[in-house]
Amino acid sequence: MSERTVSNLLARYDELVALSWSDHERLKLVLQAQQQVILVIDGLQPDVGHEVLWVM
């Protein structure tokens, strides 16, 4: 699998995640059903460019 393919798939994944988080009613129902939220913080330092902080 090429780097470009992976980058394209990651971009599509990011779009799907963003779309799922924008549906506030659905998100409210999901969170009520599981009764808890686990927050995750992760850092990434790429070979080139600026550091990235992921908060999920």
PDB file of N, CA and C in Angstrom:
ATOM      1  N   MET A   1       0.850  -1.160   0.000  1.00  0.00           N
ATOM      2  CA  MET A   1       0.000   0.000   0.000  1.00  0.00           C
ATOM      3  C   MET A   1       0.904   1.235   0.000  1.00  0.00           C
ATOM      4  N   SER A   2       0.596   2.171  -0.829  1.00  0.00           N
ATOM      5  CA  SER A   2       1.438   3.364  -0.946  1.00  0.00           C
ATOM      6  C   SER A   2       1.122   4.389   0.147  1.00  0.00           C
ATOM      7  N   GLU A   3       2.064   5.286   0.360  1.00  0.00           N
ATOM      8  CA  GLU A   3       1.871   6.356   1.346  1.00  0.00           C
ATOM      9  C   GLU A   3       0.673   7.228   0.973  1.00  0.00           C
ATOM     10  N   ARG A   4       0.505   7.482  -0.307  1.00  0.00           N
ATOM     11  CA  ARG A   4      -0.621   8.308  -0.768  1.00  0.00           C
ATOM     12  C   ARG A   4      -1.957   7.629  -0.457  1.00  0.00           C
ATOM     13  N   THR A   5      -2.032   6.323  -0.659  1.00  0.00           N
ATOM     14  CA  THR A   5      -3.260   5.585  -0.350  1.00  0.00           C
ATOM     15  C   THR A   5      -3.588   5.683   1.130  1.00  0.00           C
ATOM     16  N   VAL A   6      -2.583   5.509   1.971  1.00  0.00           N
ATOM     17  CA  VAL A   6      -2.793   5.607   3.408  1.00  0.00           C
ATOM     18  C   VAL A   6      -3.244   7.015   3.781  1.00  0.00           C
ATOM     19  N   SER A   7      -2.618   8.030   3.214  1.00  0.00           N
ATOM     20  CA  SER A   7      -3.009   9.416   3.488  1.00  0.00           C
ATOM     21  C   SER A   7      -4.448   9.678   3.072  1.00  0.00           C
ATOM     22  N   ASN A   8      -4.846   9.174   1.912  1.00  0.00           N
ATOM     23  CA  ASN A   8      -6.221   9.360   1.436  1.00  0.00           C
ATOM     24  C   ASN A   8      -7.222   8.653   2.348  1.00  0.00           C
ATOM     25  N   LEU A   9      -6.895   7.442   2.766  1.00  0.00           N
ATOM     26  CA  LEU A   9      -7.788   6.705   3.658  1.00  0.00           C
ATOM     27  C   LEU A   9      -7.897   7.388   5.016  1.00  0.00           C
ATOM     28  N   LEU A  10      -6.805   7.906   5.512  1.00  0.00           N
ATOM     29  CA  LEU A  10      -6.823   8.621   6.783  1.00  0.00           C
ATOM     30  C   LEU A  10      -7.673   9.888   6.686  1.00  0.00           C
ATOM     31  N   ALA A  11      -7.577  10.585   5.571  1.00  0.00           N
ATOM     32  CA  ALA A  11      -8.396  11.788   5.364  1.00  0.00           C
ATOM     33  C   ALA A  11      -9.880  11.436   5.336  1.00  0.00           C
ATOM     34  N   ARG A  12     -10.244  10.346   4.659  1.00  0.00           N
ATOM     35  CA  ARG A  12     -11.651   9.920   4.636  1.00  0.00           C
ATOM     36  C   ARG A  12     -12.116   9.548   6.034  1.00  0.00           C
ATOM     37  N   TYR A  13     -11.266   8.843   6.792  1.00  0.00           N
ATOM     38  CA  TYR A  13     -11.591   8.462   8.162  1.00  0.00           C
ATOM     39  C   TYR A  13     -11.833   9.709   9.019  1.00  0.00           C
ATOM     40  N   ASP A  14     -10.953  10.696   8.900  1.00  0.00           N
ATOM     41  CA  ASP A  14     -11.112  11.945   9.657  1.00  0.00           C
ATOM     42  C   ASP A  14     -12.438  12.625   9.331  1.00  0.00           C
ATOM     43  N   GLU A  15     -12.831  12.595   8.064  1.00  0.00           N
ATOM     44  CA  GLU A  15     -14.102  13.195   7.662  1.00  0.00           C
ATOM     45  C   GLU A  15     -15.282  12.455   8.280  1.00  0.00           C
ATOM     46  N   LEU A  16     -15.216  11.127   8.297  1.00  0.00           N
ATOM     47  CA  LEU A  16     -16.290  10.339   8.883  1.00  0.00           C
ATOM     48  C   LEU A  16     -16.398  10.562  10.390  1.00  0.00           C
ATOM     49  N   VAL A  17     -15.272  10.648  11.055  1.00  0.00           N
ATOM     50  CA  VAL A  17     -15.284  10.913  12.500  1.00  0.00           C
ATOM     51  C   VAL A  17     -15.872  12.287  12.783  1.00  0.00           C
ATOM     52  N   ALA A  18     -15.450  13.288  12.023  1.00  0.00           N
ATOM     53  CA  ALA A  18     -15.973  14.640  12.215  1.00  0.00           C
ATOM     54  C   ALA A  18     -17.482  14.671  11.985  1.00  0.00           C
ATOM     55  N   LEU A  19     -17.945  13.961  10.977  1.00  0.00           N
ATOM     56  CA  LEU A  19     -19.376  13.920  10.684  1.00  0.00           C
ATOM     57  C   LEU A  19     -20.142  13.250  11.819  1.00  0.00           C
ATOM     58  N   SER A  20     -19.611  12.167  12.353  1.00  0.00           N
ATOM     59  CA  SER A  20     -20.319  11.464  13.426  1.00  0.00           C
ATOM     60  C   SER A  20     -20.390  12.311  14.695  1.00  0.00           C
ATOM     61  N   TRP A  21     -19.372  13.130  14.951  1.00  0.00           N
ATOM     62  CA  TRP A  21     -19.378  13.985  16.145  1.00  0.00           C
ATOM     63  C   TRP A  21     -20.274  15.211  15.965  1.00  0.00           C
ATOM     64  N   SER A  22     -20.646  15.539  14.738  1.00  0.00           N
ATOM     65  CA  SER A  22     -21.483  16.719  14.510  1.00  0.00           C
ATOM     66  C   SER A  22     -22.965  16.439  14.745  1.00  0.00           C
ATOM     67  N   ASP A  23     -23.349  15.160  14.852  1.00  0.00           N
ATOM     68  CA  ASP A  23     -24.740  14.784  15.112  1.00  0.00           C
ATOM     69  C   ASP A  23     -24.947  14.739  16.629  1.00  0.00           C
ATOM     70  N   HIS A  24     -25.308  15.885  17.205  1.00  0.00           N
ATOM     71  CA  HIS A  24     -25.375  16.019  18.662  1.00  0.00           C
ATOM     72  C   HIS A  24     -26.446  15.141  19.302  1.00  0.00           C
ATOM     73  N   GLU A  25     -27.574  14.959  18.645  1.00  0.00           N
ATOM     74  CA  GLU A  25     -28.629  14.113  19.216  1.00  0.00           C
ATOM     75  C   GLU A  25     -28.176  12.655  19.286  1.00  0.00           C
ATOM     76  N   ARG A  26     -27.564  12.167  18.221  1.00  0.00           N
ATOM     77  CA  ARG A  26     -27.056  10.796  18.214  1.00  0.00           C
ATOM     78  C   ARG A  26     -25.983  10.621  19.272  1.00  0.00           C
ATOM     79  N   LEU A  27     -25.084  11.595  19.372  1.00  0.00           N
ATOM     80  CA  LEU A  27     -24.006  11.540  20.353  1.00  0.00           C
ATOM     81  C   LEU A  27     -24.571  11.513  21.777  1.00  0.00           C
ATOM     82  N   LYS A  28     -25.603  12.322  22.030  1.00  0.00           N
ATOM     83  CA  LYS A  28     -26.227  12.350  23.349  1.00  0.00           C
ATOM     84  C   LYS A  28     -26.814  10.985  23.701  1.00  0.00           C
ATOM     85  N   LEU A  29     -27.492  10.341  22.759  1.00  0.00           N
ATOM     86  CA  LEU A  29     -28.068   9.019  23.000  1.00  0.00           C
ATOM     87  C   LEU A  29     -26.990   7.975  23.276  1.00  0.00           C
ATOM     88  N   VAL A  30     -25.916   8.015  22.521  1.00  0.00           N
ATOM     89  CA  VAL A  30     -24.825   7.056  22.714  1.00  0.00           C
ATOM     90  C   VAL A  30     -24.192   7.230  24.096  1.00  0.00           C
ATOM     91  N   LEU A  31     -23.928   8.476  24.471  1.00  0.00           N
ATOM     92  CA  LEU A  31     -23.291   8.729  25.757  1.00  0.00           C
ATOM     93  C   LEU A  31     -24.210   8.383  26.923  1.00  0.00           C
ATOM     94  N   GLN A  32     -25.504   8.628  26.793  1.00  0.00           N
ATOM     95  CA  GLN A  32     -26.442   8.253  27.850  1.00  0.00           C
ATOM     96  C   GLN A  32     -26.478   6.739  28.019  1.00  0.00           C
ATOM     97  N   ALA A  33     -26.393   6.015  26.927  1.00  0.00           N
ATOM     98  CA  ALA A  33     -26.447   4.553  26.993  1.00  0.00           C
ATOM     99  C   ALA A  33     -25.213   3.973  27.672  1.00  0.00           C
ATOM    100  N   GLN A  34     -24.050   4.544  27.434  1.00  0.00           N
ATOM    101  CA  GLN A  34     -22.833   3.981  28.032  1.00  0.00           C
ATOM    102  C   GLN A  34     -22.499   4.602  29.381  1.00  0.00           C
ATOM    103  N   GLN A  35     -23.123   5.703  29.738  1.00  0.00           N
ATOM    104  CA  GLN A  35     -23.040   6.344  31.050  1.00  0.00           C
ATOM    105  C   GLN A  35     -21.641   6.814  31.449  1.00  0.00           C
ATOM    106  N   GLN A  36     -20.720   6.854  30.545  1.00  0.00           N
ATOM    107  CA  GLN A  36     -19.387   7.377  30.864  1.00  0.00           C
ATOM    108  C   GLN A  36     -18.659   7.775  29.581  1.00  0.00           C
ATOM    109  N   VAL A  37     -17.667   8.615  29.757  1.00  0.00           N
ATOM    110  CA  VAL A  37     -16.830   9.046  28.644  1.00  0.00           C
ATOM    111  C   VAL A  37     -15.383   8.924  29.094  1.00  0.00           C
ATOM    112  N   ILE A  38     -14.550   8.363  28.258  1.00  0.00           N
ATOM    113  CA  ILE A  38     -13.125   8.259  28.548  1.00  0.00           C
ATOM    114  C   ILE A  38     -12.394   9.197  27.595  1.00  0.00           C
ATOM    115  N   LEU A  39     -11.679  10.175  28.154  1.00  0.00           N
ATOM    116  CA  LEU A  39     -10.931  11.119  27.340  1.00  0.00           C
ATOM    117  C   LEU A  39      -9.510  10.610  27.155  1.00  0.00           C
ATOM    118  N   VAL A  40      -8.980  10.808  25.965  1.00  0.00           N
ATOM    119  CA  VAL A  40      -7.634  10.355  25.632  1.00  0.00           C
ATOM    120  C   VAL A  40      -6.843  11.526  25.091  1.00  0.00           C
ATOM    121  N   ILE A  41      -5.611  11.667  25.544  1.00  0.00           N
ATOM    122  CA  ILE A  41      -4.710  12.693  25.013  1.00  0.00           C
ATOM    123  C   ILE A  41      -3.458  11.980  24.537  1.00  0.00           C
ATOM    124  N   ASP A  42      -3.030  12.298  23.329  1.00  0.00           N
ATOM    125  CA  ASP A  42      -1.857  11.653  22.759  1.00  0.00           C
ATOM    126  C   ASP A  42      -1.063  12.702  21.987  1.00  0.00           C
ATOM    127  N   GLY A  43       0.218  12.550  21.957  1.00  0.00           N
ATOM    128  CA  GLY A  43       1.072  13.466  21.211  1.00  0.00           C
ATOM    129  C   GLY A  43       1.795  12.732  20.098  1.00  0.00           C
ATOM    130  N   LEU A  44       2.119  13.455  19.065  1.00  0.00           N
ATOM    131  CA  LEU A  44       2.824  12.880  17.927  1.00  0.00           C
ATOM    132  C   LEU A  44       3.852  13.879  17.437  1.00  0.00           C
ATOM    133  N   GLN A  45       5.065  13.441  17.293  1.00  0.00           N
ATOM    134  CA  GLN A  45       6.095  14.296  16.722  1.00  0.00           C
ATOM    135  C   GLN A  45       6.518  13.679  15.387  1.00  0.00           C
ATOM    136  N   PRO A  46       6.081  14.269  14.290  1.00  0.00           N
ATOM    137  CA  PRO A  46       6.444  13.736  12.972  1.00  0.00           C
ATOM    138  C   PRO A  46       7.908  14.003  12.649  1.00  0.00           C
ATOM    139  N   ASP A  47       8.405  13.292  11.654  1.00  0.00           N
ATOM    140  CA  ASP A  47       9.787  13.501  11.218  1.00  0.00           C
ATOM    141  C   ASP A  47       9.994  14.915  10.694  1.00  0.00           C
ATOM    142  N   VAL A  48       8.975  15.447  10.033  1.00  0.00           N
ATOM    143  CA  VAL A  48       9.047  16.789   9.465  1.00  0.00           C
ATOM    144  C   VAL A  48       7.800  17.557   9.891  1.00  0.00           C
ATOM    145  N   GLY A  49       7.968  18.793  10.260  1.00  0.00           N
ATOM    146  CA  GLY A  49       6.808  19.617  10.594  1.00  0.00           C
ATOM    147  C   GLY A  49       6.644  19.805  12.079  1.00  0.00           C
ATOM    148  N   HIS A  50       5.471  20.311  12.445  1.00  0.00           N
ATOM    149  CA  HIS A  50       5.177  20.646  13.827  1.00  0.00           C
ATOM    150  C   HIS A  50       4.583  19.462  14.565  1.00  0.00           C
ATOM    151  N   GLU A  51       4.708  19.477  15.885  1.00  0.00           N
ATOM    152  CA  GLU A  51       4.111  18.451  16.720  1.00  0.00           C
ATOM    153  C   GLU A  51       2.588  18.552  16.638  1.00  0.00           C
ATOM    154  N   VAL A  52       1.935  17.447  16.881  1.00  0.00           N
ATOM    155  CA  VAL A  52       0.487  17.407  16.839  1.00  0.00           C
ATOM    156  C   VAL A  52      -0.016  16.848  18.175  1.00  0.00           C
ATOM    157  N   LEU A  53      -1.013  17.487  18.764  1.00  0.00           N
ATOM    158  CA  LEU A  53      -1.641  17.003  19.980  1.00  0.00           C
ATOM    159  C   LEU A  53      -3.035  16.539  19.629  1.00  0.00           C
ATOM    160  N   TRP A  54      -3.334  15.270  19.909  1.00  0.00           N
ATOM    161  CA  TRP A  54      -4.644  14.702  19.640  1.00  0.00           C
ATOM    162  C   TRP A  54      -5.405  14.615  20.961  1.00  0.00           C
ATOM    163  N   VAL A  55      -6.588  15.186  21.018  1.00  0.00           N
ATOM    164  CA  VAL A  55      -7.462  15.061  22.181  1.00  0.00           C
ATOM    165  C   VAL A  55      -8.751  14.429  21.680  1.00  0.00           C
ATOM    166  N   MET A  56      -9.055  13.254  22.217  1.00  0.00           N
ATOM    167  CA  MET A  56     -10.253  12.523  21.769  1.00  0.00           C
ATOM    168  C   MET A  56     -11.140  12.242  22.943  1.00  0.00           C
TER     169      MET A  56
END
